[in-house]
Amino acid sequence: MILSFSFGGLPMDEVLVRFRLVGDEARALRELAEQEWRDPRDQVRFVLRNELERRGLLHADVSLAEKEAAHADTPPA
């Protein structure tokens, strides 16, 4: 897996993360994204945010939770 962080040229509240998943990790991400009707990139952000909230590093965003609940009931166009 390749992981890189970029801060140069980005606003202070923005980080660009780029990495490569291979094998089982890639397959699992694609499968989960498909089950939840998300683009794999969106799925990574969703999983990361959930983990940060679980660890108490981010506060749960109620409006985001409501959007996710609605998203779960709506297949992609």
Protein backbone atom coordinates (compact mmCIF):
# COMPACT_ATOMS: atom_id res chain seq x y z
CA MET A 1 0.00 0.00 0.00
CA ILE A 2 1.32 3.44 -0.90
CA LEU A 3 0.37 6.34 1.36
CA SER A 4 1.34 9.96 0.91
CA PHE A 5 0.21 13.18 2.53
CA SER A 6 0.29 16.57 0.85
CA PHE A 7 -0.05 19.86 2.68
CA GLY A 8 1.70 22.15 0.19
CA GLY A 9 -0.63 24.56 -1.57
CA LEU A 10 -3.74 23.31 0.25
CA PRO A 11 -5.79 25.28 2.78
CA MET A 12 -4.86 24.58 6.42
CA ASP A 13 -8.03 22.52 6.93
CA GLU A 14 -7.44 20.28 3.91
CA VAL A 15 -5.16 17.29 3.39
CA LEU A 16 -4.76 15.28 0.22
CA VAL A 17 -4.18 11.59 0.97
CA ARG A 18 -3.26 9.19 -1.79
CA PHE A 19 -2.66 5.49 -1.36
CA ARG A 20 -2.90 2.19 -3.18
CA LEU A 21 -4.89 -0.79 -1.96
CA VAL A 22 -4.14 -4.21 -3.39
CA GLY A 23 -5.45 -7.73 -2.98
CA ASP A 24 -7.94 -8.35 -0.20
CA GLU A 25 -8.01 -4.69 0.89
CA ALA A 26 -8.95 -3.50 -2.59
CA ARG A 27 -11.55 -6.24 -3.02
CA ALA A 28 -13.10 -5.54 0.37
CA LEU A 29 -13.33 -1.80 -0.30
CA ARG A 30 -14.95 -2.33 -3.70
CA GLU A 31 -17.41 -4.82 -2.21
CA LEU A 32 -18.38 -2.53 0.67
CA ALA A 33 -18.70 0.50 -1.63
CA GLU A 34 -20.96 -1.48 -3.95
CA GLN A 35 -23.13 -2.70 -1.05
CA GLU A 36 -23.54 0.87 0.20
CA TRP A 37 -23.93 2.40 -3.28
CA ARG A 38 -20.88 4.63 -3.01
CA ASP A 39 -17.90 5.42 -5.14
CA PRO A 40 -14.88 3.70 -3.49
CA ARG A 41 -13.28 7.12 -2.81
CA ASP A 42 -16.42 8.23 -0.96
CA GLN A 43 -16.46 4.93 0.92
CA VAL A 44 -12.91 5.52 2.19
CA ARG A 45 -13.90 8.98 3.49
CA PHE A 46 -17.02 7.52 5.12
CA VAL A 47 -15.12 4.70 6.85
CA LEU A 48 -12.38 7.08 7.99
CA ARG A 49 -14.86 9.61 9.38
CA ASN A 50 -16.77 6.86 11.24
CA GLU A 51 -13.56 5.62 12.84
CA LEU A 52 -12.48 9.13 13.87
CA GLU A 53 -15.91 9.70 15.43
CA ARG A 54 -15.77 6.33 17.21
CA ARG A 55 -12.42 7.27 18.75
CA GLY A 56 -13.74 10.66 19.86
CA LEU A 57 -11.46 12.65 17.55
CA LEU A 58 -14.43 14.10 15.64
CA HIS A 59 -17.89 14.97 16.86
CA ALA A 60 -20.75 13.27 15.06
CA ASP A 61 -22.31 15.52 12.43
CA VAL A 62 -26.08 15.08 12.83
CA SER A 63 -26.86 16.52 9.39
CA LEU A 64 -24.31 14.14 7.85
CA ALA A 65 -25.88 11.19 9.69
CA GLU A 66 -29.30 12.17 8.32
CA LYS A 67 -27.89 12.37 4.78
CA GLU A 68 -26.30 8.94 5.20
CA ALA A 69 -29.58 7.45 6.40
CA ALA A 70 -31.33 8.82 3.31
CA HIS A 71 -28.42 7.64 1.12
CA ALA A 72 -28.79 4.07 2.37
CA ASP A 73 -32.32 3.92 0.98
CA THR A 74 -31.52 5.38 -2.44
CA PRO A 75 -29.74 3.39 -5.18
CA PRO A 76 -27.41 5.36 -7.46
CA ALA A 77 -28.89 7.00 -10.55
